[in-house]
């Protein structure tokens, strides 16, 4: 039995044709090589959105992210807030300073039973309504 190598001794390409023996020559390159050239039809057919930009990134000077807090969150964390100096209890009524804490807006999700006077930049209509019902109020900045 003669080995394949010795069988092809003297035949420049060993039976593989001109380019098949050189790396990824037979398949037209490796991976996405040639998508703009010889593989263009497959690009148009199967990957039409492969090239080009989609969407845009909004400038950070325009993007505004408000720090929010819900009523129920505030009520649950009253003791923790008082330890950090953001809340003080006087005559059974809490005074909470959310602006000092870095909260921009108070939202009205959840229940509140404790009368609280809150200092905050903004508050939703539902938050105002629930706070008044519980005997509290908002001191806006």
C-alpha atoms as a PDB file:
ATOM      1  CA  UNK A   1       0.000   0.000   0.000  1.00  0.00           C
ATOM      2  CA  UNK A   2       1.439   3.347  -1.055  1.00  0.00           C
ATOM      3  CA  UNK A   3       0.829   6.340   1.222  1.00  0.00           C
ATOM      4  CA  UNK A   4      -1.127   9.303  -0.145  1.00  0.00           C
ATOM      5  CA  UNK A   5       1.837  11.615   0.269  1.00  0.00           C
ATOM      6  CA  UNK A   6       4.213   9.452  -1.702  1.00  0.00           C
ATOM      7  CA  UNK A   7       1.531   8.871  -4.331  1.00  0.00           C
ATOM      8  CA  UNK A   8       1.419  12.633  -5.024  1.00  0.00           C
ATOM      9  CA  UNK A   9       5.184  13.272  -4.910  1.00  0.00           C
ATOM     10  CA  UNK A  10       6.078  15.524  -7.799  1.00  0.00           C
ATOM     11  CA  UNK A  11       2.524  16.766  -8.379  1.00  0.00           C
ATOM     12  CA  UNK A  12       2.646  20.345  -7.221  1.00  0.00           C
ATOM     13  CA  UNK A  13      -0.890  20.467  -5.690  1.00  0.00           C
ATOM     14  CA  UNK A  14      -1.327  16.889  -4.359  1.00  0.00           C
ATOM     15  CA  UNK A  15      -4.656  16.613  -6.151  1.00  0.00           C
ATOM     16  CA  UNK A  16      -6.307  19.552  -4.385  1.00  0.00           C
ATOM     17  CA  UNK A  17      -6.425  22.033  -7.232  1.00  0.00           C
ATOM     18  CA  UNK A  18      -4.732  25.392  -7.268  1.00  0.00           C
ATOM     19  CA  UNK A  19      -5.890  27.044  -4.006  1.00  0.00           C
ATOM     20  CA  UNK A  20      -7.467  24.320  -1.857  1.00  0.00           C
ATOM     21  CA  UNK A  21      -4.242  23.496  -0.060  1.00  0.00           C
ATOM     22  CA  UNK A  22      -3.626  27.032   1.153  1.00  0.00           C
ATOM     23  CA  UNK A  23      -5.511  27.676   4.406  1.00  0.00           C
ATOM     24  CA  UNK A  24      -9.125  28.694   3.848  1.00  0.00           C
ATOM     25  CA  UNK A  25      -8.665  29.229   0.126  1.00  0.00           C
ATOM     26  CA  UNK A  26     -11.310  26.769  -1.011  1.00  0.00           C
ATOM     27  CA  UNK A  27     -14.088  28.356   1.033  1.00  0.00           C
ATOM     28  CA  UNK A  28     -13.337  31.923  -0.022  1.00  0.00           C
ATOM     29  CA  UNK A  29     -11.736  33.017   3.212  1.00  0.00           C
ATOM     30  CA  UNK A  30     -12.430  32.455   6.891  1.00  0.00           C
ATOM     31  CA  UNK A  31     -15.544  33.702   8.691  1.00  0.00           C
ATOM     32  CA  UNK A  32     -16.962  36.961   7.369  1.00  0.00           C
ATOM     33  CA  UNK A  33     -14.113  37.613   4.933  1.00  0.00           C
ATOM     34  CA  UNK A  34     -15.374  38.795   1.553  1.00  0.00           C
ATOM     35  CA  UNK A  35     -18.840  39.962   2.626  1.00  0.00           C
ATOM     36  CA  UNK A  36     -18.259  43.183   0.667  1.00  0.00           C
ATOM     37  CA  UNK A  37     -16.738  41.352  -2.292  1.00  0.00           C
ATOM     38  CA  UNK A  38     -17.316  37.794  -3.469  1.00  0.00           C
ATOM     39  CA  UNK A  39     -19.875  36.861  -0.747  1.00  0.00           C
ATOM     40  CA  UNK A  40     -22.052  39.912  -1.424  1.00  0.00           C
ATOM     41  CA  UNK A  41     -25.116  37.983  -2.652  1.00  0.00           C
ATOM     42  CA  UNK A  42     -25.301  35.969   0.571  1.00  0.00           C
ATOM     43  CA  UNK A  43     -24.931  39.210   2.549  1.00  0.00           C
ATOM     44  CA  UNK A  44     -27.844  40.815   0.714  1.00  0.00           C
ATOM     45  CA  UNK A  45     -29.945  37.662   0.947  1.00  0.00           C
ATOM     46  CA  UNK A  46     -29.328  36.398   4.486  1.00  0.00           C
ATOM     47  CA  UNK A  47     -27.841  39.341   6.431  1.00  0.00           C
ATOM     48  CA  UNK A  48     -29.287  42.569   4.978  1.00  0.00           C
ATOM     49  CA  UNK A  49     -28.787  44.496   8.252  1.00  0.00           C
ATOM     50  CA  UNK A  50     -25.197  43.352   8.818  1.00  0.00           C
ATOM     51  CA  UNK A  51     -23.491  46.562   7.703  1.00  0.00           C
ATOM     52  CA  UNK A  52     -24.319  50.148   8.674  1.00  0.00           C
ATOM     53  CA  UNK A  53     -25.432  51.976  11.808  1.00  0.00           C
ATOM     54  CA  UNK A  54     -28.707  51.553  13.624  1.00  0.00           C
ATOM     55  CA  UNK A  55     -30.106  54.144  16.012  1.00  0.00           C
ATOM     56  CA  UNK A  56     -28.061  56.676  17.895  1.00  0.00           C
ATOM     57  CA  UNK A  57     -26.686  57.353  21.359  1.00  0.00           C
ATOM     58  CA  UNK A  58     -28.325  60.280  23.082  1.00  0.00           C
ATOM     59  CA  UNK A  59     -25.885  62.877  24.421  1.00  0.00           C
ATOM     60  CA  UNK A  60     -25.444  62.635  28.185  1.00  0.00           C
ATOM     61  CA  UNK A  61     -26.180  66.354  28.549  1.00  0.00           C
ATOM     62  CA  UNK A  62     -29.721  65.651  27.305  1.00  0.00           C
ATOM     63  CA  UNK A  63     -30.389  62.465  29.266  1.00  0.00           C
ATOM     64  CA  UNK A  64     -31.957  63.191  32.645  1.00  0.00           C
ATOM     65  CA  UNK A  65     -32.359  60.364  35.129  1.00  0.00           C
ATOM     66  CA  UNK A  66     -34.371  61.320  38.203  1.00  0.00           C
ATOM     67  CA  UNK A  67     -33.796  59.474  41.454  1.00  0.00           C
ATOM     68  CA  UNK A  68     -37.219  58.398  42.703  1.00  0.00           C
ATOM     69  CA  UNK A  69     -38.655  56.826  45.830  1.00  0.00           C
ATOM     70  CA  UNK A  70     -42.073  55.341  46.562  1.00  0.00           C
ATOM     71  CA  UNK A  71     -44.189  56.222  49.604  1.00  0.00           C
ATOM     72  CA  UNK A  72     -44.142  52.654  50.878  1.00  0.00           C
ATOM     73  CA  UNK A  73     -40.324  52.519  50.603  1.00  0.00           C
ATOM     74  CA  UNK A  74     -40.051  55.762  52.554  1.00  0.00           C
ATOM     75  CA  UNK A  75     -42.361  54.550  55.321  1.00  0.00           C
ATOM     76  CA  UNK A  76     -40.519  51.227  55.646  1.00  0.00           C
ATOM     77  CA  UNK A  77     -37.142  52.930  55.952  1.00  0.00           C
ATOM     78  CA  UNK A  78     -38.084  55.716  58.407  1.00  0.00           C
ATOM     79  CA  UNK A  79     -35.985  54.214  61.226  1.00  0.00           C
ATOM     80  CA  UNK A  80     -32.970  53.782  58.947  1.00  0.00           C
ATOM     81  CA  UNK A  81     -33.426  57.335  57.629  1.00  0.00           C
ATOM     82  CA  UNK A  82     -33.485  58.712  61.188  1.00  0.00           C
ATOM     83  CA  UNK A  83     -30.202  56.918  61.992  1.00  0.00           C
ATOM     84  CA  UNK A  84     -28.577  58.602  58.964  1.00  0.00           C
ATOM     85  CA  UNK A  85     -29.969  62.036  59.844  1.00  0.00           C
ATOM     86  CA  UNK A  86     -32.475  62.286  56.989  1.00  0.00           C
ATOM     87  CA  UNK A  87     -35.566  61.938  59.214  1.00  0.00           C
ATOM     88  CA  UNK A  88     -36.576  63.323  62.619  1.00  0.00           C
ATOM     89  CA  UNK A  89     -39.640  62.419  64.704  1.00  0.00           C
ATOM     90  CA  UNK A  90     -41.401  65.244  66.555  1.00  0.00           C
ATOM     91  CA  UNK A  91     -44.741  64.914  68.395  1.00  0.00           C
ATOM     92  CA  UNK A  92     -45.578  61.620  66.643  1.00  0.00           C
ATOM     93  CA  UNK A  93     -45.037  63.157  63.204  1.00  0.00           C
ATOM     94  CA  UNK A  94     -42.012  62.453  61.033  1.00  0.00           C
ATOM     95  CA  UNK A  95     -40.035  65.127  59.176  1.00  0.00           C
ATOM     96  CA  UNK A  96     -38.138  63.590  56.250  1.00  0.00           C
ATOM     97  CA  UNK A  97     -35.655  65.441  54.017  1.00  0.00           C
ATOM     98  CA  UNK A  98     -35.372  63.461  50.782  1.00  0.00           C
ATOM     99  CA  UNK A  99     -33.468  66.211  48.928  1.00  0.00           C
ATOM    100  CA  UNK A 100     -30.597  65.867  51.394  1.00  0.00           C
ATOM    101  CA  UNK A 101     -30.688  62.137  50.676  1.00  0.00           C
ATOM    102  CA  UNK A 102     -30.453  62.752  46.898  1.00  0.00           C
ATOM    103  CA  UNK A 103     -34.028  61.824  45.920  1.00  0.00           C
ATOM    104  CA  UNK A 104     -35.546  64.055  43.236  1.00  0.00           C
ATOM    105  CA  UNK A 105     -39.152  62.827  43.121  1.00  0.00           C
ATOM    106  CA  UNK A 106     -41.593  61.065  45.445  1.00  0.00           C
ATOM    107  CA  UNK A 107     -43.922  58.553  43.785  1.00  0.00           C
ATOM    108  CA  UNK A 108     -47.238  57.284  45.127  1.00  0.00           C
ATOM    109  CA  UNK A 109     -46.815  53.509  44.927  1.00  0.00           C
ATOM    110  CA  UNK A 110     -47.812  51.468  47.996  1.00  0.00           C
ATOM    111  CA  UNK A 111     -49.590  52.394  51.224  1.00  0.00           C
ATOM    112  CA  UNK A 112     -48.683  54.909  53.897  1.00  0.00           C
ATOM    113  CA  UNK A 113     -50.274  55.126  57.355  1.00  0.00           C
ATOM    114  CA  UNK A 114     -47.757  57.321  59.186  1.00  0.00           C
ATOM    115  CA  UNK A 115     -48.192  61.114  59.094  1.00  0.00           C
ATOM    116  CA  UNK A 116     -45.022  62.412  57.426  1.00  0.00           C
ATOM    117  CA  UNK A 117     -43.889  65.890  56.421  1.00  0.00           C
ATOM    118  CA  UNK A 118     -41.633  65.368  53.397  1.00  0.00           C
ATOM    119  CA  UNK A 119     -39.158  67.810  51.878  1.00  0.00           C
ATOM    120  CA  UNK A 120     -38.642  66.883  48.223  1.00  0.00           C
ATOM    121  CA  UNK A 121     -38.219  68.601  44.834  1.00  0.00           C
ATOM    122  CA  UNK A 122     -41.174  66.945  43.085  1.00  0.00           C
ATOM    123  CA  UNK A 123     -44.029  64.623  43.989  1.00  0.00           C
ATOM    124  CA  UNK A 124     -46.631  62.845  41.902  1.00  0.00           C
ATOM    125  CA  UNK A 125     -50.328  63.641  42.299  1.00  0.00           C
ATOM    126  CA  UNK A 126     -51.014  60.217  43.788  1.00  0.00           C
ATOM    127  CA  UNK A 127     -48.225  60.683  46.334  1.00  0.00           C
ATOM    128  CA  UNK A 128     -49.716  64.037  47.417  1.00  0.00           C
ATOM    129  CA  UNK A 129     -53.183  62.509  47.718  1.00  0.00           C
ATOM    130  CA  UNK A 130     -52.019  59.528  49.800  1.00  0.00           C
ATOM    131  CA  UNK A 131     -49.822  61.688  52.040  1.00  0.00           C
ATOM    132  CA  UNK A 132     -52.721  64.070  52.828  1.00  0.00           C
ATOM    133  CA  UNK A 133     -55.011  61.123  53.547  1.00  0.00           C
ATOM    134  CA  UNK A 134     -52.456  59.784  56.067  1.00  0.00           C
ATOM    135  CA  UNK A 135     -52.176  63.219  57.718  1.00  0.00           C
ATOM    136  CA  UNK A 136     -48.909  64.266  56.126  1.00  0.00           C
ATOM    137  CA  UNK A 137     -47.800  67.062  53.818  1.00  0.00           C
ATOM    138  CA  UNK A 138     -45.095  68.067  51.332  1.00  0.00           C
ATOM    139  CA  UNK A 139     -42.691  70.946  51.783  1.00  0.00           C
ATOM    140  CA  UNK A 140     -41.454  71.629  48.246  1.00  0.00           C
ATOM    141  CA  UNK A 141     -38.019  73.060  47.549  1.00  0.00           C
END
